[in-house]
């Protein structure tokens, strides 16, 4: 698809322009352009595009962290360092504080686990890159680079 590649060089706005132009000229043409854009993933990494699985997971974790911080702040009466106001029932207050401490510990452990997992994935990818680089013949240049003459 040489035409699609040329349009890709102009970026996402070129696809949006073509889609709008298609709707203005004849609505089925615009609909076809929209279907082509969606099914080929042209918006995949742009500002309007979908996130990758890793980015979605990171976003969800940040959102969860924000919600946990907000809940903790509310339970602490707006002051994160103070103790939560008592309910009048000491057994419940003790249970609540133990549960919150356990949840914070689990959250910290899970975050550490995710960090170790990301590090392992990055290390594996880097090791694979280095192995491929060692296997490449000396006269071959990497893609996109030109040999000095």
N, C-alpha and C. Protein backbone atom coordinates (compact mmCIF):
# COMPACT_ATOMS: atom_id res chain seq x y z
N UNK A 1 0.83 -1.19 0.00
CA UNK A 1 0.00 0.00 0.00
C UNK A 1 0.87 1.25 0.00
N UNK A 2 1.42 1.60 -1.10
CA UNK A 2 2.28 2.77 -1.14
C UNK A 2 1.53 4.07 -0.82
N UNK A 3 0.25 4.16 -1.20
CA UNK A 3 -0.51 5.40 -0.92
C UNK A 3 -0.69 5.55 0.59
N UNK A 4 -1.04 4.47 1.26
CA UNK A 4 -1.24 4.53 2.71
C UNK A 4 0.06 4.90 3.42
N UNK A 5 1.18 4.38 2.94
CA UNK A 5 2.47 4.72 3.55
C UNK A 5 2.79 6.20 3.39
N UNK A 6 2.46 6.74 2.23
CA UNK A 6 2.71 8.17 2.01
C UNK A 6 1.84 9.02 2.93
N UNK A 7 0.59 8.60 3.10
CA UNK A 7 -0.30 9.36 4.01
C UNK A 7 0.18 9.22 5.44
N UNK A 8 0.69 8.04 5.81
CA UNK A 8 1.21 7.83 7.17
C UNK A 8 2.35 8.79 7.48
N UNK A 9 3.11 9.18 6.48
CA UNK A 9 4.22 10.11 6.71
C UNK A 9 3.73 11.46 7.21
N UNK A 10 2.50 11.83 6.84
CA UNK A 10 1.95 13.11 7.28
C UNK A 10 1.32 13.01 8.67
N UNK A 11 1.09 11.80 9.14
CA UNK A 11 0.59 11.61 10.49
C UNK A 11 -0.91 11.41 10.57
N UNK A 12 -1.41 11.43 11.78
CA UNK A 12 -2.82 11.15 12.06
C UNK A 12 -3.74 12.21 11.46
N UNK A 13 -3.29 13.45 11.47
CA UNK A 13 -4.15 14.52 10.95
C UNK A 13 -4.47 14.35 9.47
N UNK A 14 -3.57 13.75 8.72
CA UNK A 14 -3.84 13.50 7.30
C UNK A 14 -4.97 12.49 7.15
N UNK A 15 -4.97 11.47 7.99
CA UNK A 15 -6.06 10.48 7.94
C UNK A 15 -7.38 11.10 8.34
N UNK A 16 -7.36 11.96 9.35
CA UNK A 16 -8.58 12.63 9.78
C UNK A 16 -9.10 13.53 8.66
N UNK A 17 -8.18 14.25 8.03
CA UNK A 17 -8.57 15.12 6.93
C UNK A 17 -9.20 14.32 5.79
N UNK A 18 -8.59 13.21 5.42
CA UNK A 18 -9.15 12.38 4.35
C UNK A 18 -10.52 11.83 4.71
N UNK A 19 -10.69 11.46 5.96
CA UNK A 19 -11.98 10.93 6.39
C UNK A 19 -13.06 12.01 6.31
N UNK A 20 -12.74 13.19 6.82
CA UNK A 20 -13.71 14.30 6.78
C UNK A 20 -14.01 14.67 5.33
N UNK A 21 -12.99 14.74 4.50
CA UNK A 21 -13.18 15.04 3.09
C UNK A 21 -14.08 13.99 2.43
N UNK A 22 -13.88 12.74 2.79
CA UNK A 22 -14.72 11.68 2.27
C UNK A 22 -16.17 11.85 2.66
N UNK A 23 -16.43 12.26 3.90
CA UNK A 23 -17.81 12.50 4.35
C UNK A 23 -18.42 13.69 3.61
N UNK A 24 -17.61 14.71 3.35
CA UNK A 24 -18.12 15.90 2.66
C UNK A 24 -18.47 15.56 1.21
N UNK A 25 -17.61 14.81 0.55
CA UNK A 25 -17.86 14.47 -0.85
C UNK A 25 -19.03 13.52 -0.99
N UNK A 26 -18.99 12.41 -0.27
CA UNK A 26 -20.05 11.40 -0.36
C UNK A 26 -19.93 10.53 0.88
N UNK A 27 -20.96 10.51 1.72
CA UNK A 27 -20.86 9.90 3.04
C UNK A 27 -20.38 8.44 3.04
N UNK A 28 -20.72 7.59 2.05
CA UNK A 28 -20.15 6.23 2.09
C UNK A 28 -18.63 6.22 1.93
N UNK A 29 -18.09 7.20 1.22
CA UNK A 29 -16.65 7.30 1.07
C UNK A 29 -15.98 7.62 2.42
N UNK A 30 -16.59 8.53 3.16
CA UNK A 30 -16.08 8.85 4.49
C UNK A 30 -16.19 7.68 5.44
N UNK A 31 -17.29 6.94 5.34
CA UNK A 31 -17.48 5.76 6.17
C UNK A 31 -16.44 4.69 5.83
N UNK A 32 -16.16 4.53 4.56
CA UNK A 32 -15.13 3.57 4.15
C UNK A 32 -13.76 3.99 4.67
N UNK A 33 -13.47 5.28 4.62
CA UNK A 33 -12.19 5.78 5.14
C UNK A 33 -12.10 5.53 6.65
N UNK A 34 -13.19 5.77 7.36
CA UNK A 34 -13.21 5.54 8.80
C UNK A 34 -12.98 4.05 9.11
N UNK A 35 -13.66 3.18 8.38
CA UNK A 35 -13.49 1.74 8.60
C UNK A 35 -12.04 1.32 8.31
N UNK A 36 -11.45 1.86 7.25
CA UNK A 36 -10.06 1.54 6.92
C UNK A 36 -9.13 1.99 8.03
N UNK A 37 -9.36 3.19 8.55
CA UNK A 37 -8.51 3.73 9.61
C UNK A 37 -8.60 2.86 10.86
N UNK A 38 -9.81 2.46 11.21
CA UNK A 38 -10.00 1.67 12.43
C UNK A 38 -9.42 0.27 12.27
N UNK A 39 -9.73 -0.40 11.17
CA UNK A 39 -9.30 -1.79 11.01
C UNK A 39 -7.81 -1.95 10.73
N UNK A 40 -7.17 -0.93 10.23
CA UNK A 40 -5.72 -1.03 10.00
C UNK A 40 -4.93 -0.47 11.18
N UNK A 41 -5.61 0.11 12.17
CA UNK A 41 -4.93 0.61 13.36
C UNK A 41 -4.12 1.85 13.11
N UNK A 42 -4.58 2.71 12.24
CA UNK A 42 -3.83 3.93 11.92
C UNK A 42 -3.73 4.88 13.11
N UNK A 43 -4.69 4.83 14.04
CA UNK A 43 -4.63 5.70 15.21
C UNK A 43 -3.93 4.99 16.37
N UNK A 44 -3.28 3.88 16.12
CA UNK A 44 -2.74 3.02 17.17
C UNK A 44 -1.80 3.69 18.15
N UNK A 45 -0.89 4.54 17.72
CA UNK A 45 0.08 5.11 18.65
C UNK A 45 0.04 6.63 18.68
N UNK A 46 -0.91 7.22 18.02
CA UNK A 46 -0.98 8.68 17.98
C UNK A 46 -1.65 9.24 19.22
N UNK A 47 -1.84 10.57 19.26
CA UNK A 47 -2.45 11.19 20.42
C UNK A 47 -3.90 10.77 20.61
N UNK A 48 -4.57 10.36 19.53
CA UNK A 48 -5.94 9.94 19.65
C UNK A 48 -6.04 8.43 19.76
N UNK A 49 -4.92 7.75 19.71
CA UNK A 49 -4.90 6.30 19.57
C UNK A 49 -5.09 5.53 20.85
N UNK A 50 -5.17 4.25 20.68
CA UNK A 50 -5.30 3.33 21.80
C UNK A 50 -3.94 3.17 22.45
N UNK A 51 -3.98 2.81 23.70
CA UNK A 51 -2.74 2.57 24.41
C UNK A 51 -2.33 1.12 24.24
N UNK A 52 -1.05 0.88 24.39
CA UNK A 52 -0.60 -0.50 24.38
C UNK A 52 -1.02 -1.16 25.69
N UNK A 53 -0.86 -2.47 25.77
CA UNK A 53 -1.26 -3.18 26.98
C UNK A 53 -0.48 -2.69 28.19
N UNK A 54 0.81 -2.45 28.02
CA UNK A 54 1.63 -1.98 29.13
C UNK A 54 1.19 -0.59 29.59
N UNK A 55 0.90 0.30 28.63
CA UNK A 55 0.46 1.64 29.00
C UNK A 55 -0.89 1.60 29.69
N UNK A 56 -1.79 0.72 29.20
CA UNK A 56 -3.10 0.60 29.85
C UNK A 56 -2.94 0.09 31.28
N UNK A 57 -2.06 -0.88 31.48
CA UNK A 57 -1.83 -1.41 32.82
C UNK A 57 -1.24 -0.36 33.73
N UNK A 58 -0.29 0.40 33.21
CA UNK A 58 0.33 1.48 34.00
C UNK A 58 -0.72 2.53 34.37
N UNK A 59 -1.57 2.88 33.41
CA UNK A 59 -2.62 3.87 33.66
C UNK A 59 -3.59 3.37 34.74
N UNK A 60 -3.96 2.09 34.65
CA UNK A 60 -4.87 1.53 35.64
C UNK A 60 -4.24 1.53 37.03
N UNK A 61 -2.94 1.20 37.10
CA UNK A 61 -2.26 1.20 38.39
C UNK A 61 -2.19 2.62 38.97
N UNK A 62 -1.92 3.61 38.14
CA UNK A 62 -1.89 4.98 38.62
C UNK A 62 -3.26 5.43 39.11
N UNK A 63 -4.29 5.04 38.37
CA UNK A 63 -5.65 5.38 38.76
C UNK A 63 -6.01 4.71 40.09
N UNK A 64 -5.65 3.44 40.24
CA UNK A 64 -5.91 2.72 41.48
C UNK A 64 -5.16 3.37 42.64
N UNK A 65 -3.91 3.76 42.41
CA UNK A 65 -3.12 4.42 43.45
C UNK A 65 -3.77 5.73 43.86
N UNK A 66 -4.26 6.49 42.89
CA UNK A 66 -4.92 7.75 43.19
C UNK A 66 -6.17 7.51 44.03
N UNK A 67 -6.95 6.49 43.66
CA UNK A 67 -8.17 6.18 44.42
C UNK A 67 -7.84 5.74 45.84
N UNK A 68 -6.79 4.93 45.98
CA UNK A 68 -6.39 4.48 47.33
C UNK A 68 -5.94 5.67 48.17
N UNK A 69 -5.17 6.56 47.58
CA UNK A 69 -4.72 7.75 48.32
C UNK A 69 -5.91 8.62 48.73
N UNK A 70 -6.87 8.78 47.82
CA UNK A 70 -8.05 9.57 48.13
C UNK A 70 -8.87 8.93 49.24
N UNK A 71 -9.04 7.60 49.18
CA UNK A 71 -9.79 6.90 50.22
C UNK A 71 -9.07 7.00 51.57
N UNK A 72 -7.75 6.83 51.55
CA UNK A 72 -6.98 6.93 52.79
C UNK A 72 -7.11 8.34 53.37
N UNK A 73 -7.06 9.34 52.50
CA UNK A 73 -7.19 10.72 52.97
C UNK A 73 -8.55 10.97 53.61
N UNK A 74 -9.60 10.44 52.99
CA UNK A 74 -10.94 10.60 53.56
C UNK A 74 -11.08 9.89 54.89
N UNK A 75 -10.50 8.68 54.98
CA UNK A 75 -10.62 7.91 56.22
C UNK A 75 -9.80 8.54 57.33
N UNK A 76 -8.75 9.23 56.97
CA UNK A 76 -7.91 9.87 57.96
C UNK A 76 -8.41 11.28 58.31
N UNK A 77 -9.56 11.63 57.81
CA UNK A 77 -10.11 12.95 58.11
C UNK A 77 -9.41 14.05 57.35
N UNK A 78 -8.87 13.76 56.20
CA UNK A 78 -8.21 14.78 55.39
C UNK A 78 -6.74 14.92 55.68
N UNK A 79 -6.27 14.28 56.74
CA UNK A 79 -4.85 14.36 57.11
C UNK A 79 -4.25 12.98 57.03
N UNK A 80 -3.38 12.77 56.09
CA UNK A 80 -2.83 11.44 55.84
C UNK A 80 -1.97 10.94 56.99
N UNK A 81 -1.39 11.82 57.78
CA UNK A 81 -0.51 11.39 58.86
C UNK A 81 -1.25 11.16 60.17
N UNK A 82 -2.43 11.66 60.29
CA UNK A 82 -3.20 11.48 61.51
C UNK A 82 -3.92 10.14 61.48
N UNK A 83 -4.36 9.72 62.67
CA UNK A 83 -5.16 8.52 62.73
C UNK A 83 -6.58 8.85 62.33
N UNK A 84 -7.30 7.82 61.85
CA UNK A 84 -8.69 8.02 61.44
C UNK A 84 -9.52 8.33 62.68
N UNK A 85 -10.57 9.13 62.51
CA UNK A 85 -11.42 9.40 63.66
C UNK A 85 -12.06 8.09 64.13
N UNK A 86 -12.23 7.98 65.41
CA UNK A 86 -12.78 6.73 65.95
C UNK A 86 -14.26 6.62 65.65
N UNK A 87 -14.69 5.38 65.54
CA UNK A 87 -16.10 5.12 65.31
C UNK A 87 -16.85 4.93 66.62
N UNK A 88 -16.12 4.84 67.72
CA UNK A 88 -16.74 4.58 69.01
C UNK A 88 -16.63 3.12 69.39
N UNK A 89 -16.26 2.29 68.45
CA UNK A 89 -16.12 0.86 68.69
C UNK A 89 -14.64 0.52 68.52
N UNK A 90 -13.97 0.25 69.63
CA UNK A 90 -12.53 0.02 69.59
C UNK A 90 -12.16 -1.21 68.77
N UNK A 91 -12.98 -2.27 68.84
CA UNK A 91 -12.68 -3.49 68.08
C UNK A 91 -12.73 -3.19 66.58
N UNK A 92 -13.72 -2.43 66.14
CA UNK A 92 -13.82 -2.08 64.72
C UNK A 92 -12.66 -1.18 64.31
N UNK A 93 -12.34 -0.20 65.15
CA UNK A 93 -11.24 0.71 64.82
C UNK A 93 -9.92 -0.05 64.68
N UNK A 94 -9.69 -1.02 65.56
CA UNK A 94 -8.48 -1.83 65.48
C UNK A 94 -8.48 -2.68 64.21
N UNK A 95 -9.63 -3.29 63.91
CA UNK A 95 -9.76 -4.08 62.69
C UNK A 95 -9.51 -3.22 61.46
N UNK A 96 -10.09 -2.02 61.44
CA UNK A 96 -9.93 -1.11 60.30
C UNK A 96 -8.47 -0.72 60.13
N UNK A 97 -7.78 -0.38 61.19
CA UNK A 97 -6.39 0.04 61.07
C UNK A 97 -5.51 -1.12 60.62
N UNK A 98 -5.77 -2.34 61.13
CA UNK A 98 -5.00 -3.51 60.70
C UNK A 98 -5.25 -3.81 59.23
N UNK A 99 -6.51 -3.71 58.81
CA UNK A 99 -6.85 -3.97 57.41
C UNK A 99 -6.19 -2.96 56.49
N UNK A 100 -6.22 -1.68 56.87
CA UNK A 100 -5.57 -0.66 56.04
C UNK A 100 -4.06 -0.88 55.96
N UNK A 101 -3.46 -1.26 57.08
CA UNK A 101 -2.02 -1.53 57.07
C UNK A 101 -1.72 -2.73 56.18
N UNK A 102 -2.54 -3.79 56.26
CA UNK A 102 -2.35 -4.97 55.42
C UNK A 102 -2.49 -4.62 53.94
N UNK A 103 -3.50 -3.80 53.61
CA UNK A 103 -3.70 -3.40 52.22
C UNK A 103 -2.53 -2.56 51.71
N UNK A 104 -2.02 -1.68 52.55
CA UNK A 104 -0.86 -0.88 52.14
C UNK A 104 0.35 -1.76 51.90
N UNK A 105 0.55 -2.75 52.78
CA UNK A 105 1.68 -3.67 52.60
C UNK A 105 1.53 -4.48 51.32
N UNK A 106 0.32 -4.99 51.06
CA UNK A 106 0.07 -5.74 49.84
C UNK A 106 0.27 -4.88 48.60
N UNK A 107 -0.17 -3.63 48.69
CA UNK A 107 -0.01 -2.72 47.57
C UNK A 107 1.48 -2.48 47.29
N UNK A 108 2.25 -2.27 48.34
CA UNK A 108 3.68 -2.05 48.19
C UNK A 108 4.36 -3.29 47.60
N UNK A 109 3.99 -4.48 48.10
CA UNK A 109 4.56 -5.72 47.59
C UNK A 109 4.21 -5.91 46.11
N UNK A 110 2.97 -5.61 45.76
CA UNK A 110 2.55 -5.77 44.36
C UNK A 110 3.30 -4.79 43.46
N UNK A 111 3.48 -3.57 43.92
CA UNK A 111 4.22 -2.58 43.14
C UNK A 111 5.67 -3.03 42.95
N UNK A 112 6.27 -3.57 44.01
CA UNK A 112 7.63 -4.10 43.89
C UNK A 112 7.69 -5.26 42.90
N UNK A 113 6.67 -6.12 42.95
CA UNK A 113 6.60 -7.24 42.01
C UNK A 113 6.53 -6.74 40.58
N UNK A 114 5.67 -5.73 40.33
CA UNK A 114 5.56 -5.19 38.97
C UNK A 114 6.88 -4.56 38.52
N UNK A 115 7.57 -3.89 39.43
CA UNK A 115 8.87 -3.30 39.08
C UNK A 115 9.87 -4.39 38.69
N UNK A 116 9.90 -5.49 39.48
CA UNK A 116 10.81 -6.59 39.16
C UNK A 116 10.44 -7.23 37.83
N UNK A 117 9.13 -7.35 37.57
CA UNK A 117 8.66 -7.94 36.32
C UNK A 117 9.07 -7.08 35.13
N UNK A 118 8.91 -5.76 35.25
CA UNK A 118 9.30 -4.86 34.16
C UNK A 118 10.81 -4.92 33.93
N UNK A 119 11.57 -4.97 35.04
CA UNK A 119 13.02 -5.05 34.90
C UNK A 119 13.42 -6.33 34.19
N UNK A 120 12.80 -7.46 34.56
CA UNK A 120 13.13 -8.74 33.93
C UNK A 120 12.80 -8.71 32.44
N UNK A 121 11.66 -8.11 32.09
CA UNK A 121 11.27 -8.02 30.68
C UNK A 121 12.26 -7.15 29.91
N UNK A 122 12.62 -6.01 30.49
CA UNK A 122 13.59 -5.13 29.84
C UNK A 122 14.94 -5.82 29.67
N UNK A 123 15.35 -6.54 30.70
CA UNK A 123 16.65 -7.24 30.64
C UNK A 123 16.61 -8.31 29.56
N UNK A 124 15.51 -9.05 29.46
CA UNK A 124 15.38 -10.09 28.44
C UNK A 124 15.46 -9.48 27.05
N UNK A 125 14.74 -8.38 26.83
CA UNK A 125 14.76 -7.72 25.53
C UNK A 125 16.16 -7.21 25.20
N UNK A 126 16.84 -6.65 26.20
CA UNK A 126 18.18 -6.13 25.97
C UNK A 126 19.15 -7.27 25.66
N UNK A 127 19.06 -8.36 26.41
CA UNK A 127 19.93 -9.51 26.15
C UNK A 127 19.70 -10.08 24.76
N UNK A 128 18.43 -10.12 24.35
CA UNK A 128 18.11 -10.61 23.00
C UNK A 128 18.71 -9.69 21.95
N UNK A 129 18.61 -8.39 22.17
CA UNK A 129 19.20 -7.42 21.24
C UNK A 129 20.71 -7.61 21.13
N UNK A 130 21.36 -7.78 22.28
CA UNK A 130 22.81 -7.94 22.27
C UNK A 130 23.21 -9.25 21.58
N UNK A 131 22.42 -10.31 21.80
CA UNK A 131 22.72 -11.59 21.16
C UNK A 131 22.58 -11.47 19.65
N UNK A 132 21.53 -10.80 19.19
CA UNK A 132 21.34 -10.60 17.75
C UNK A 132 22.45 -9.74 17.17
N UNK A 133 22.89 -8.78 17.95
CA UNK A 133 23.96 -7.89 17.48
C UNK A 133 25.28 -8.64 17.33
N UNK A 134 25.55 -9.57 18.25
CA UNK A 134 26.79 -10.36 18.17
C UNK A 134 26.75 -11.32 16.99
N UNK A 135 25.56 -11.83 16.67
CA UNK A 135 25.43 -12.80 15.59
C UNK A 135 25.50 -12.14 14.21
N UNK A 136 25.26 -10.85 14.12
CA UNK A 136 25.25 -10.15 12.84
C UNK A 136 26.68 -10.08 12.29
N UNK A 137 26.83 -10.35 11.00
CA UNK A 137 28.17 -10.24 10.40
C UNK A 137 28.71 -8.82 10.50
N UNK A 138 30.01 -8.70 10.49
CA UNK A 138 30.65 -7.40 10.66
C UNK A 138 30.36 -6.46 9.51
N UNK A 139 30.14 -6.97 8.29
CA UNK A 139 29.93 -6.10 7.15
C UNK A 139 28.48 -5.63 7.04
N UNK A 140 27.58 -6.18 7.83
CA UNK A 140 26.16 -5.78 7.76
C UNK A 140 25.93 -4.59 8.70
N UNK A 141 25.19 -3.59 8.23
CA UNK A 141 24.90 -2.43 9.07
C UNK A 141 23.46 -2.53 9.56
N UNK A 142 23.18 -1.96 10.75
CA UNK A 142 21.80 -1.97 11.25
C UNK A 142 20.87 -1.20 10.34
N UNK A 143 19.58 -1.51 10.43
CA UNK A 143 18.58 -0.83 9.61
C UNK A 143 18.59 0.66 9.89
N UNK A 144 18.51 1.46 8.88
CA UNK A 144 18.43 2.90 9.03
C UNK A 144 19.78 3.59 9.13
N UNK A 145 20.84 2.83 9.33
CA UNK A 145 22.16 3.45 9.44
C UNK A 145 22.92 3.26 8.13
N UNK A 146 23.78 4.23 7.84
CA UNK A 146 24.59 4.13 6.64
C UNK A 146 26.04 3.99 7.07
N UNK A 147 26.75 3.18 6.33
CA UNK A 147 28.16 2.98 6.64
C UNK A 147 28.99 4.15 6.16
N UNK A 148 29.93 4.61 6.94
CA UNK A 148 30.81 5.70 6.47
C UNK A 148 31.71 5.18 5.35
N UNK A 149 31.91 6.02 4.36
CA UNK A 149 32.71 5.60 3.19
C UNK A 149 34.00 6.32 3.11
